[in-house]
Amino acid sequence: MDSRPEKLGKYLIVDKLGQGGMGEVFKAYDPGLERFVAIKTLHSHVANKKGLDWLRREAAAVARLRHPNIVQVFDFDFDGSQYYMVMEFVEGPTLHQKLEELGIPQNDNPIKEKREDLIRLPPPPMFDRVELHRILDDRFSDAELRTL
């Protein structure tokens, strides 16, 4: 049984792209601008004040970034039952699919190794170690990479 919502705010949910420990990512359609977007939501077990603050900070931080390899954040909203972040949708394979296509076994994943190296470094001034770990985990999860 598909548990995805039909709509979040003005966005029409088209498909579920993936999920992780914190939430789910959906492909949706923005009828006002006639484009597809990616929407990140929180699982109900983390949709407390701390989880919502984390999602809001992530949305605000990413919205300030401008780089061709970083998806744009378009919106952060509440539809009466759920907070969500709306991001640029980029068509393409997930990291898992791309590594498989290249014949790179998951246990030899160079990106995962680099992520672990980065976590051991002192964090940049704007992040604490836990936040950096969360960002890197999110950036390298299948759900997020489908939108990168």
Protein backbone atom coordinates (compact mmCIF):
# COMPACT_ATOMS: atom_id res chain seq x y z
CA MET A 1 0.00 0.00 0.00
CA ASP A 2 1.34 3.41 -0.98
CA SER A 3 1.39 5.80 1.99
CA ARG A 4 2.39 8.91 0.08
CA PRO A 5 0.15 11.97 0.39
CA GLU A 6 -1.73 13.15 -2.70
CA LYS A 7 -0.86 16.78 -2.10
CA LEU A 8 1.34 18.97 0.13
CA GLY A 9 0.21 22.56 0.05
CA LYS A 10 -0.14 23.52 -3.60
CA TYR A 11 2.18 20.71 -4.75
CA LEU A 12 0.74 17.55 -6.30
CA ILE A 13 2.67 14.44 -5.24
CA VAL A 14 3.69 12.32 -8.24
CA ASP A 15 6.02 9.68 -6.80
CA LYS A 16 8.04 8.70 -3.75
CA LEU A 17 11.74 8.96 -4.56
CA GLY A 18 13.17 7.53 -1.36
CA GLN A 19 13.38 7.64 2.39
CA GLY A 20 15.94 7.69 5.14
CA GLY A 21 16.09 7.81 8.90
CA MET A 22 14.81 11.40 9.08
CA GLY A 23 12.15 11.49 6.40
CA GLU A 24 10.97 10.94 2.86
CA VAL A 25 11.56 12.64 -0.47
CA PHE A 26 8.83 12.93 -3.09
CA LYS A 27 8.67 14.06 -6.69
CA ALA A 28 5.86 16.61 -6.98
CA TYR A 29 4.36 18.97 -9.51
CA ASP A 30 4.06 22.71 -8.97
CA PRO A 31 0.98 23.71 -11.02
CA GLY A 32 1.61 27.44 -10.65
CA LEU A 33 5.05 27.33 -12.26
CA GLU A 34 4.37 24.15 -14.30
CA ARG A 35 7.48 22.30 -13.13
CA PHE A 36 8.48 19.26 -11.13
CA VAL A 37 10.06 19.70 -7.70
CA ALA A 38 11.43 17.45 -4.96
CA ILE A 39 9.80 17.67 -1.53
CA LYS A 40 11.49 16.54 1.67
CA THR A 41 9.30 15.71 4.68
CA LEU A 42 10.04 14.45 8.18
CA HIS A 43 8.92 11.10 9.55
CA SER A 44 6.37 11.55 12.33
CA HIS A 45 8.79 10.16 14.95
CA VAL A 46 11.24 13.04 14.29
CA ALA A 47 8.68 15.78 13.60
CA ASN A 48 9.24 17.32 17.02
CA LYS A 49 10.68 20.77 17.76
CA LYS A 50 14.27 19.56 17.31
CA GLY A 51 13.48 17.84 13.99
CA LEU A 52 11.54 20.81 12.66
CA ASP A 53 14.31 23.21 13.69
CA TRP A 54 16.82 20.98 11.90
CA LEU A 55 14.74 20.91 8.68
CA ARG A 56 14.16 24.68 8.81
CA ARG A 57 17.90 25.36 9.34
CA GLU A 58 18.79 23.02 6.49
CA ALA A 59 16.30 24.74 4.16
CA ALA A 60 17.55 28.22 5.10
CA ALA A 61 21.23 27.25 4.77
CA VAL A 62 20.83 25.54 1.39
CA ALA A 63 18.60 28.37 0.09
CA ARG A 64 21.53 30.78 0.58
CA LEU A 65 23.93 28.63 -1.48
CA ARG A 66 24.44 29.11 -5.21
CA HIS A 67 26.42 26.44 -7.05
CA PRO A 68 25.64 24.29 -10.10
CA ASN A 69 26.14 21.09 -8.06
CA ILE A 70 23.79 22.09 -5.24
CA VAL A 71 20.03 21.88 -5.71
CA GLN A 72 18.09 25.07 -5.06
CA VAL A 73 15.58 25.30 -2.22
CA PHE A 74 12.38 26.97 -3.41
CA ASP A 75 10.10 26.83 -0.38
CA PHE A 76 9.66 25.77 3.24
CA ASP A 77 6.06 25.51 4.41
CA PHE A 78 3.42 23.83 6.56
CA ASP A 79 0.24 22.37 5.06
CA GLY A 80 -1.73 22.07 8.30
CA SER A 81 -0.35 18.67 9.22
CA GLN A 82 3.24 18.53 7.99
CA TYR A 83 6.28 20.75 7.44
CA TYR A 84 8.11 20.29 4.17
CA MET A 85 11.01 21.65 2.15
CA VAL A 86 10.62 22.13 -1.62
CA MET A 87 13.74 21.75 -3.75
CA GLU A 88 14.80 21.70 -7.35
CA PHE A 89 14.13 18.33 -8.98
CA VAL A 90 16.95 16.96 -11.13
CA GLU A 91 16.18 13.91 -13.24
CA GLY A 92 18.76 11.14 -13.05
CA PRO A 93 19.99 8.02 -11.34
CA THR A 94 20.61 7.64 -7.62
CA LEU A 95 24.17 7.27 -6.33
CA HIS A 96 23.54 3.57 -5.78
CA GLN A 97 22.37 3.15 -9.39
CA LYS A 98 25.32 5.13 -10.78
CA LEU A 99 27.91 3.16 -8.79
CA GLU A 100 26.26 -0.07 -9.88
CA GLU A 101 26.34 1.11 -13.52
CA LEU A 102 30.07 1.88 -13.15
CA GLY A 103 30.70 -1.53 -11.61
CA ILE A 104 31.82 -0.11 -8.25
CA PRO A 105 30.81 -2.41 -5.38
CA GLN A 106 29.05 -0.67 -2.51
CA ASN A 107 31.71 -1.79 -0.03
CA ASP A 108 34.31 0.02 -2.22
CA ASN A 109 32.31 3.24 -2.32
CA PRO A 110 34.87 6.07 -2.58
CA ILE A 111 32.27 8.70 -1.67
CA LYS A 112 31.45 6.90 1.58
CA GLU A 113 35.15 6.73 2.40
CA LYS A 114 35.56 10.47 1.74
CA ARG A 115 32.49 11.20 3.87
CA GLU A 116 34.07 9.32 6.75
CA ASP A 117 37.34 11.22 6.25
CA LEU A 118 35.46 14.53 6.29
CA ILE A 119 33.67 13.62 9.51
CA ARG A 120 37.05 13.14 11.22
CA LEU A 121 38.19 16.66 10.25
CA PRO A 122 37.49 19.63 12.51
CA PRO A 123 34.10 21.00 11.50
CA PRO A 124 33.83 24.27 9.60
CA PRO A 125 32.87 27.18 11.89
CA MET A 126 29.23 27.17 10.76
CA PHE A 127 28.59 23.52 11.64
CA ASP A 128 29.09 21.34 14.64
CA ARG A 129 30.30 17.75 14.08
CA VAL A 130 26.81 16.25 14.43
CA GLU A 131 25.34 18.69 11.90
CA LEU A 132 28.18 18.03 9.44
CA HIS A 133 27.59 14.28 9.80
CA ARG A 134 23.85 14.72 9.15
CA ILE A 135 24.46 16.89 6.10
CA LEU A 136 26.94 14.43 4.66
CA ASP A 137 24.67 11.47 5.39
CA ASP A 138 21.79 13.26 3.66
CA ARG A 139 23.91 14.34 0.72
CA PHE A 140 25.00 10.77 0.05
CA SER A 141 21.70 8.98 0.57
CA ASP A 142 19.81 7.62 -2.43
CA ALA A 143 16.78 9.77 -1.66
CA GLU A 144 18.76 13.02 -1.74
CA LEU A 145 21.05 12.13 -4.63
CA ARG A 146 18.13 11.64 -6.91
CA THR A 147 17.52 15.37 -6.43
CA LEU A 148 21.15 16.48 -6.75
